[in-house]
Amino acid sequence: MTCFPFSFSRKGGPNRGGGFDVDDEVSGIQNVRLFSYKELRIATEDFRPANKIGEGVFGSVFKGRLKDGKIAAIKVLSAESRQGVKEFLTEINVISEIEHENLVELYGCCVEENHRILVYNYLENNSLAQTLLGGSHSNVYFNWRTRCKICIGVARGLSFLHEEVRPHIVHRDIKASNILLDRDLSPKISDFGLAKLIPPNMTHVSTRVAGTIGYLAPEYAIRGQLTRKADIYSFGVLLVEIVSGRCNTNTRLPIGEQYLLERTWELYEQKELVGLVDAALNGEFDAEQACKFLKIGLLCTQDAPKLRPSMSTVVKMLTGEMEVDDIQITKPGLISDFMDLKVRDTQKAMPEINNTSYNISSGSDNLDNSTLSSGTTAGTFTFTAPDDGSI
């Protein structure tokens, strides 16, 4: 069992710009190697554009060779992103204290002057979003055995975070672009910037909503009450994506097929789940196992959080140690229901409605996913839903 302190020690307090004294924050975290900015400039050939392997909401990722010869993924936080500084600190605090074969490995960081950089082990096959769900842009072939390995690996990593680490960790942004793949296509959960620690003896924490539309558990989006069940919902969506080989939302498809989870439920009711399996497999897969994986995805995304299985139970179901009981499956919290909301200008929002605001930016694919996190708000999503007391 891995244990670590629940919170940061904010030694320096806010700086003059109203942000965090990051240097003092990092100095209070153990097990973190500090790189100089010069070292990382050399490693990336002065952050040469040809070495850029990714770009996200809060900065860019470069491939680099460290002084000891290790190839690293070097994540450079944008200097303009104040919100990213908080995520930078969270990521260091969480990932520096834990180790698991299905989590990315943090080599260290750089906090010189205004530079905020994280250094991770480099993973050769990028993310699931770019390889499996990226269509013809990838030359990697995912046979059925590989997909099973990825599903089980991600489940084991999440089970470790949810049940073996103390305090428990909720990732909050499980999605295809945050599942990285090594040379052997073994999965590693990445990007812990939104992670939350659940204190002992607490059923949930109330927090500003953050995550990605399409993977976001409806009850968390509506009420802001975070539990491990929110991650389990996201994993269920991811599981269905891996089996089907398609993103959770695609408005280019016919109306009845645009939302993957909704389509999965329809085919489940019609007892035709096998029709959802990725055609790229050319029929070379275990149909019974594929349908079982899709049913597990539905179990994880059930509308009532209390009905979703724990991640350790999910691992047992995926590996065949536990049977999947069809009778237990109830209707999922569908994305079409979740998206049945009104985007209003902040000034026009009705005062009597409980509003939750989000900063919206591009998500894990180029279709319809959007990443949500607290911050400067371009508009307001207004949710109205009854509290079913399930959290």
Protein backbone atom coordinates (compact mmCIF):
# COMPACT_ATOMS: atom_id res chain seq x y z
CA MET A 1 0.00 0.00 0.00
CA THR A 2 1.33 3.45 -0.96
CA CYS A 3 0.72 6.37 1.39
CA PHE A 4 1.63 10.02 1.03
CA PRO A 5 0.69 13.38 2.56
CA PHE A 6 -2.78 14.54 1.67
CA SER A 7 -1.99 18.15 0.80
CA PHE A 8 0.76 20.46 -0.31
CA SER A 9 2.55 22.66 2.23
CA ARG A 10 2.21 26.13 0.81
CA LYS A 11 5.39 27.58 2.28
CA GLY A 12 5.74 30.70 0.21
CA GLY A 13 2.09 31.58 -0.22
CA PRO A 14 0.87 33.53 -3.23
CA ASN A 15 3.41 35.49 -5.25
CA ARG A 16 2.96 39.10 -6.28
CA GLY A 17 1.08 38.09 -9.40
CA GLY A 18 -1.55 36.31 -7.36
CA GLY A 19 -0.33 32.82 -8.27
CA PHE A 20 1.61 30.19 -6.31
CA ASP A 21 5.21 30.34 -5.16
CA VAL A 22 5.99 27.24 -7.18
CA ASP A 23 9.62 26.98 -6.12
CA ASP A 24 8.64 26.73 -2.46
CA GLU A 25 5.83 24.32 -3.27
CA VAL A 26 8.15 21.95 -5.16
CA SER A 27 10.84 22.14 -2.49
CA GLY A 28 8.36 20.62 -0.05
CA ILE A 29 7.80 17.54 -2.24
CA GLN A 30 10.26 14.70 -1.92
CA ASN A 31 11.38 12.14 -4.51
CA VAL A 32 11.51 14.71 -7.32
CA ARG A 33 14.66 15.30 -9.36
CA LEU A 34 15.16 18.95 -10.31
CA PHE A 35 16.46 19.55 -13.84
CA SER A 36 18.02 22.82 -14.95
CA TYR A 37 16.44 24.65 -17.85
CA LYS A 38 19.74 24.42 -19.70
CA GLU A 39 19.70 20.61 -19.39
CA LEU A 40 16.26 20.42 -20.95
CA ARG A 41 17.12 22.89 -23.70
CA ILE A 42 20.03 20.68 -24.68
CA ALA A 43 17.92 17.53 -24.40
CA THR A 44 15.30 18.90 -26.82
CA GLU A 45 17.75 20.72 -29.12
CA ASP A 46 16.46 24.07 -27.89
CA PHE A 47 12.86 22.83 -28.01
CA ARG A 48 13.10 22.29 -31.74
CA PRO A 49 9.65 22.13 -33.39
CA ALA A 50 10.59 18.81 -35.03
CA ASN A 51 10.89 17.31 -31.55
CA LYS A 52 7.36 18.35 -30.52
CA ILE A 53 5.26 15.22 -30.01
CA GLY A 54 2.14 16.71 -28.50
CA GLU A 55 0.27 19.86 -27.56
CA GLY A 56 -2.42 20.34 -24.95
CA VAL A 57 -4.43 22.95 -23.12
CA PHE A 58 -1.57 24.00 -20.86
CA GLY A 59 1.50 23.62 -23.06
CA SER A 60 3.56 21.41 -25.37
CA VAL A 61 5.35 18.08 -25.06
CA PHE A 62 8.79 17.47 -26.61
CA LYS A 63 10.87 14.35 -27.11
CA GLY A 64 14.37 14.72 -25.70
CA ARG A 65 17.50 12.80 -24.75
CA LEU A 66 18.72 13.40 -21.18
CA LYS A 67 22.38 13.48 -20.11
CA ASP A 68 22.21 9.86 -18.95
CA GLY A 69 21.01 8.79 -22.39
CA LYS A 70 17.37 8.23 -21.43
CA ILE A 71 14.74 9.33 -23.91
CA ALA A 72 12.17 11.49 -22.16
CA ALA A 73 8.85 13.21 -22.82
CA ILE A 74 9.32 16.81 -21.70
CA LYS A 75 6.08 18.63 -20.90
CA VAL A 76 6.48 22.42 -21.01
CA LEU A 77 3.82 24.43 -19.20
CA SER A 78 2.76 27.59 -21.00
CA ALA A 79 4.04 30.65 -19.11
CA GLU A 80 0.69 32.38 -19.64
CA SER A 81 -1.34 29.65 -17.94
CA ARG A 82 -2.03 30.44 -14.27
CA GLN A 83 -4.47 27.56 -14.03
CA GLY A 84 -1.79 25.28 -15.40
CA VAL A 85 0.49 26.11 -12.46
CA LYS A 86 -2.00 24.51 -10.07
CA GLU A 87 -2.18 21.44 -12.29
CA PHE A 88 1.63 21.37 -12.50
CA LEU A 89 1.87 21.18 -8.71
CA THR A 90 -0.91 18.61 -8.45
CA GLU A 91 0.75 16.39 -11.04
CA ILE A 92 4.11 16.47 -9.24
CA ASN A 93 2.56 15.84 -5.84
CA VAL A 94 0.48 12.88 -7.01
CA ILE A 95 2.72 11.04 -9.45
CA SER A 96 6.04 11.50 -7.60
CA GLU A 97 4.84 9.37 -4.70
CA ILE A 98 3.36 6.39 -6.52
CA GLU A 99 4.62 3.72 -8.89
CA HIS A 100 2.74 1.14 -10.94
CA GLU A 101 3.39 -0.59 -14.24
CA ASN A 102 0.30 1.04 -15.75
CA LEU A 103 1.10 4.62 -14.71
CA VAL A 104 3.57 6.96 -16.39
CA GLU A 105 6.88 7.47 -14.58
CA LEU A 106 7.94 10.98 -13.54
CA TYR A 107 11.69 11.55 -13.95
CA GLY A 108 11.61 15.06 -12.50
CA CYS A 109 10.78 18.69 -13.17
CA CYS A 110 12.21 22.15 -13.79
CA VAL A 111 11.09 25.26 -11.88
CA GLU A 112 13.73 27.80 -12.94
CA GLU A 113 12.50 31.39 -13.16
CA ASN A 114 9.17 31.27 -15.03
CA HIS A 115 9.82 27.83 -16.56
CA ARG A 116 7.56 25.02 -15.39
CA ILE A 117 8.48 21.69 -16.98
CA LEU A 118 7.68 18.05 -16.20
CA VAL A 119 9.95 15.23 -17.41
CA TYR A 120 8.42 11.79 -17.99
CA ASN A 121 9.52 8.51 -19.45
CA TYR A 122 9.03 8.56 -23.21
CA LEU A 123 6.43 6.17 -24.59
CA GLU A 124 6.99 5.17 -28.20
CA ASN A 125 3.44 4.71 -29.42
CA ASN A 126 1.84 7.94 -28.27
CA SER A 127 -1.78 7.81 -27.05
CA LEU A 128 -4.82 5.69 -27.80
CA ALA A 129 -6.51 8.78 -29.21
CA GLN A 130 -3.85 9.15 -31.89
CA THR A 131 -3.17 5.51 -32.66
CA LEU A 132 -6.34 3.46 -32.20
CA LEU A 133 -8.92 6.24 -32.61
CA GLY A 134 -6.89 8.36 -35.01
CA GLY A 135 -8.04 6.48 -38.09
CA SER A 136 -5.62 6.27 -41.00
CA HIS A 137 -3.12 8.57 -39.29
CA SER A 138 -1.52 5.60 -37.48
CA ASN A 139 0.32 2.55 -38.75
CA VAL A 140 -0.17 0.66 -35.49
CA TYR A 141 -2.49 -2.35 -35.74
CA PHE A 142 -4.47 -3.27 -32.64
CA ASN A 143 -5.43 -6.94 -32.75
CA TRP A 144 -7.95 -8.30 -30.27
CA ARG A 145 -5.32 -9.62 -27.87
CA THR A 146 -3.65 -6.20 -27.71
CA ARG A 147 -6.95 -4.47 -27.03
CA CYS A 148 -7.65 -6.87 -24.17
CA LYS A 149 -4.22 -6.15 -22.71
CA ILE A 150 -4.85 -2.40 -22.88
CA CYS A 151 -8.29 -2.63 -21.26
CA ILE A 152 -7.00 -4.80 -18.41
CA GLY A 153 -3.89 -2.66 -17.91
CA VAL A 154 -5.85 0.59 -17.61
CA ALA A 155 -8.29 -1.12 -15.23
CA ARG A 156 -5.41 -2.31 -13.03
CA GLY A 157 -3.86 1.15 -12.98
CA LEU A 158 -7.14 2.73 -11.93
CA SER A 159 -7.77 0.01 -9.34
CA PHE A 160 -4.37 0.84 -7.86
CA LEU A 161 -5.21 4.56 -7.65
CA HIS A 162 -8.69 3.96 -6.24
CA GLU A 163 -8.04 1.20 -3.73
CA GLU A 164 -4.36 0.64 -2.96
CA VAL A 165 -3.09 4.20 -2.59
CA ARG A 166 -3.90 6.10 0.62
CA PRO A 167 -5.57 8.55 0.40
CA HIS A 168 -7.44 7.25 -2.64
CA ILE A 169 -6.84 9.12 -5.90
CA VAL A 170 -9.52 10.09 -8.41
CA HIS A 171 -7.89 10.87 -11.75
CA ARG A 172 -10.82 12.96 -13.10
CA ASP A 173 -9.72 12.87 -16.75
CA ILE A 174 -9.59 9.26 -17.92
CA LYS A 175 -9.83 9.38 -21.71
CA ALA A 176 -8.12 7.99 -24.80
CA SER A 177 -5.61 10.85 -25.11
CA ASN A 178 -4.44 10.25 -21.52
CA ILE A 179 -3.67 6.57 -22.11
CA LEU A 180 -0.15 6.34 -23.49
CA LEU A 181 1.38 3.25 -25.05
CA ASP A 182 4.92 1.91 -24.80
CA ARG A 183 6.87 -0.07 -27.39
CA ASP A 184 4.89 -3.22 -26.59
CA LEU A 185 1.55 -1.34 -26.58
CA SER A 186 1.24 -1.69 -22.82
CA PRO A 187 -0.93 1.17 -21.46
CA LYS A 188 0.16 3.89 -19.04
CA ILE A 189 -2.28 6.31 -17.45
CA SER A 190 -0.96 9.88 -17.77
CA ASP A 191 -1.79 13.50 -16.99
CA PHE A 192 -2.55 13.77 -13.28
CA GLY A 193 -3.06 17.53 -13.34
CA LEU A 194 -6.75 17.24 -12.44
CA ALA A 195 -6.34 14.45 -9.88
CA LYS A 196 -8.03 14.73 -6.49
CA LEU A 197 -7.21 12.93 -3.27
CA ILE A 198 -10.18 11.55 -1.34
CA PRO A 199 -9.56 11.95 2.43
CA PRO A 200 -10.20 8.96 4.71
CA ASN A 201 -13.79 8.48 5.89
CA MET A 202 -15.20 10.80 3.22
CA THR A 203 -17.72 9.53 0.66
CA HIS A 204 -17.03 12.35 -1.79
CA VAL A 205 -15.40 15.74 -2.21
CA SER A 206 -17.21 18.76 -3.59
CA THR A 207 -15.17 20.46 -6.28
CA ARG A 208 -15.35 22.54 -9.42
CA VAL A 209 -16.14 20.26 -12.33
CA ALA A 210 -13.25 19.33 -14.62
CA GLY A 211 -12.93 16.67 -17.26
CA THR A 212 -13.90 15.96 -20.85
CA ILE A 213 -17.38 15.88 -22.34
CA GLY A 214 -18.12 12.38 -23.51
CA TYR A 215 -16.21 10.83 -20.60
CA LEU A 216 -17.71 12.99 -17.85
CA ALA A 217 -20.03 11.23 -15.41
CA PRO A 218 -23.38 13.09 -15.50
CA GLU A 219 -23.89 13.14 -11.71
CA TYR A 220 -20.47 14.74 -11.23
CA ALA A 221 -21.12 17.33 -13.93
CA ILE A 222 -24.50 18.22 -12.47
CA ARG A 223 -23.74 18.31 -8.74
CA GLY A 224 -19.96 18.66 -8.53
CA GLN A 225 -19.75 15.80 -6.02
CA LEU A 226 -16.69 13.77 -6.91
CA THR A 227 -16.30 10.08 -6.10
CA ARG A 228 -14.30 7.24 -7.60
CA LYS A 229 -17.46 6.33 -9.51
CA ALA A 230 -16.79 9.28 -11.84
CA ASP A 231 -13.53 7.65 -12.98
CA ILE A 232 -15.34 4.33 -13.38
CA TYR A 233 -17.87 5.97 -15.69
CA SER A 234 -15.03 7.42 -17.78
CA PHE A 235 -13.33 4.03 -17.92
CA GLY A 236 -16.58 2.46 -19.14
CA VAL A 237 -16.71 4.91 -22.04
CA LEU A 238 -13.05 4.23 -22.83
CA LEU A 239 -13.63 0.47 -22.74
CA VAL A 240 -16.39 0.74 -25.35
CA GLU A 241 -14.15 2.97 -27.49
CA ILE A 242 -11.34 0.40 -27.45
CA VAL A 243 -13.63 -2.47 -28.46
CA SER A 244 -15.42 -0.46 -31.17
CA GLY A 245 -12.38 1.46 -32.41
CA ARG A 246 -14.28 4.75 -32.54
CA CYS A 247 -14.58 7.96 -30.53
CA ASN A 248 -17.47 8.37 -28.12
CA THR A 249 -18.97 11.17 -30.19
CA ASN A 250 -18.93 11.65 -33.95
CA THR A 251 -21.44 14.02 -35.56
CA ARG A 252 -20.37 12.87 -39.02
CA LEU A 253 -22.27 9.63 -38.51
CA PRO A 254 -26.05 9.19 -38.97
CA ILE A 255 -28.06 10.71 -36.11
CA GLY A 256 -28.82 7.37 -34.45
CA GLU A 257 -25.12 6.44 -34.30
CA GLN A 258 -23.44 9.69 -33.27
CA TYR A 259 -23.20 8.89 -29.56
CA LEU A 260 -21.31 5.66 -28.93
CA LEU A 261 -22.71 4.88 -25.49
CA GLU A 262 -26.27 5.41 -26.66
CA ARG A 263 -25.64 3.13 -29.63
CA THR A 264 -24.12 0.49 -27.35
CA TRP A 265 -27.24 0.47 -25.16
CA GLU A 266 -29.50 0.14 -28.18
CA LEU A 267 -27.54 -2.83 -29.52
CA TYR A 268 -27.46 -4.40 -26.05
CA GLU A 269 -31.25 -4.23 -25.84
CA GLN A 270 -31.45 -5.78 -29.31
CA LYS A 271 -28.93 -8.48 -28.31
CA GLU A 272 -26.70 -7.39 -31.20
CA LEU A 273 -23.65 -6.06 -29.32
CA VAL A 274 -21.27 -7.96 -31.58
CA GLY A 275 -22.20 -5.53 -34.36
CA LEU A 276 -20.36 -2.77 -32.49
CA VAL A 277 -16.95 -4.48 -32.58
CA ASP A 278 -14.35 -2.69 -34.71
CA ALA A 279 -14.60 -3.78 -38.35
CA ALA A 280 -10.82 -3.24 -38.61
CA LEU A 281 -10.40 -6.55 -36.75
CA ASN A 282 -11.76 -8.30 -39.86
CA GLY A 283 -13.71 -10.75 -37.73
CA GLU A 284 -10.56 -11.98 -35.96
CA PHE A 285 -11.70 -11.67 -32.35
CA ASP A 286 -13.43 -13.63 -29.61
CA ALA A 287 -17.08 -12.57 -30.04
CA GLU A 288 -18.14 -13.76 -26.60
CA GLN A 289 -15.30 -11.91 -24.90
CA ALA A 290 -15.89 -8.76 -26.95
CA CYS A 291 -19.57 -8.70 -25.97
CA LYS A 292 -18.57 -9.27 -22.34
CA PHE A 293 -16.22 -6.27 -22.47
CA LEU A 294 -19.02 -4.12 -23.91
CA LYS A 295 -21.35 -5.24 -21.13
CA ILE A 296 -18.70 -4.28 -18.57
CA GLY A 297 -18.55 -0.87 -20.23
CA LEU A 298 -22.31 -0.57 -19.74
CA LEU A 299 -22.02 -1.68 -16.10
CA CYS A 300 -19.45 1.07 -15.51
CA THR A 301 -21.59 3.76 -17.09
CA GLN A 302 -24.91 3.00 -15.39
CA ASP A 303 -26.86 6.13 -14.57
CA ALA A 304 -26.90 5.45 -10.81
CA PRO A 305 -23.31 5.72 -9.51
CA LYS A 306 -23.93 3.22 -6.70
CA LEU A 307 -24.63 0.50 -9.29
CA ARG A 308 -21.25 0.86 -10.97
CA PRO A 309 -18.72 -1.81 -9.92
CA SER A 310 -15.44 -0.97 -8.19
CA MET A 311 -12.32 -1.06 -10.36
CA SER A 312 -11.02 -4.18 -8.60
CA THR A 313 -14.29 -5.88 -9.54
CA VAL A 314 -13.91 -4.62 -13.10
CA VAL A 315 -10.43 -6.18 -13.27
CA LYS A 316 -11.85 -9.53 -12.14
CA MET A 317 -14.61 -9.37 -14.74
CA LEU A 318 -12.22 -8.45 -17.53
CA THR A 319 -9.82 -11.26 -16.65
CA GLY A 320 -12.58 -13.86 -16.28
CA GLU A 321 -12.25 -14.28 -12.51
CA MET A 322 -15.83 -13.06 -12.09
CA GLU A 323 -18.92 -13.54 -14.24
CA VAL A 324 -20.73 -10.61 -15.81
CA ASP A 325 -24.37 -10.71 -14.76
CA ASP A 326 -26.60 -9.33 -17.51
CA ILE A 327 -29.43 -8.76 -15.05
CA GLN A 328 -27.39 -6.14 -13.20
CA ILE A 329 -27.09 -3.86 -16.21
CA THR A 330 -29.35 -0.81 -16.18
CA LYS A 331 -29.54 2.09 -18.62
CA PRO A 332 -26.38 4.22 -18.74
CA GLY A 333 -26.19 7.94 -18.17
CA LEU A 334 -26.33 8.74 -21.86
CA ILE A 335 -24.30 11.53 -23.42
CA SER A 336 -27.36 12.62 -25.43
CA ASP A 337 -29.16 13.25 -22.13
CA PHE A 338 -26.09 14.97 -20.74
CA MET A 339 -25.80 17.21 -23.81
CA ASP A 340 -29.47 18.19 -23.58
CA LEU A 341 -28.57 21.49 -21.97
CA LYS A 342 -28.49 25.14 -22.87
CA VAL A 343 -25.32 27.12 -23.44
CA ARG A 344 -26.05 30.62 -22.26
CA ASP A 345 -24.10 33.79 -21.96
CA THR A 346 -23.10 34.29 -18.32
CA GLN A 347 -25.00 37.55 -18.05
CA LYS A 348 -28.21 35.94 -19.31
CA ALA A 349 -28.20 32.96 -16.94
CA MET A 350 -31.30 32.79 -14.72
CA PRO A 351 -30.42 33.56 -11.07
CA GLU A 352 -32.73 30.96 -9.56
CA ILE A 353 -31.04 28.07 -11.39
CA ASN A 354 -27.95 26.48 -9.89
CA ASN A 355 -25.35 27.23 -12.57
CA THR A 356 -21.96 25.63 -13.03
CA SER A 357 -19.37 27.34 -15.21
CA TYR A 358 -16.63 25.77 -17.28
CA ASN A 359 -13.69 26.86 -19.33
CA ILE A 360 -13.99 25.02 -22.64
CA SER A 361 -11.10 23.95 -24.82
CA SER A 362 -10.32 21.26 -27.36
CA GLY A 363 -10.61 17.67 -26.20
CA SER A 364 -8.93 14.39 -27.01
CA ASP A 365 -10.00 14.18 -30.63
CA ASN A 366 -10.94 16.50 -33.45
CA LEU A 367 -14.61 15.67 -33.27
CA ASP A 368 -16.83 16.84 -30.42
CA ASN A 369 -15.08 16.24 -27.14
CA SER A 370 -14.30 19.30 -25.03
CA THR A 371 -12.13 19.56 -21.96
CA LEU A 372 -13.78 21.25 -18.99
CA SER A 373 -12.01 22.92 -16.12
CA SER A 374 -12.59 25.83 -13.79
CA GLY A 375 -11.26 29.18 -14.84
CA THR A 376 -12.19 32.07 -17.09
CA THR A 377 -15.60 31.25 -18.46
CA ALA A 378 -16.67 31.79 -22.05
CA GLY A 379 -20.23 30.67 -21.39
CA THR A 380 -22.37 28.83 -18.89
CA PHE A 381 -23.72 25.31 -19.11
CA THR A 382 -26.93 25.12 -17.12
CA PHE A 383 -27.85 21.70 -15.73
CA THR A 384 -31.09 20.86 -13.99
CA ALA A 385 -31.54 17.38 -12.56
CA PRO A 386 -33.09 15.83 -9.49
CA ASP A 387 -30.82 14.59 -6.73
CA ASP A 388 -31.41 10.83 -6.61
CA GLY A 389 -29.40 10.42 -3.42
CA SER A 390 -27.13 7.90 -5.08
CA ILE A 391 -23.82 9.50 -4.11
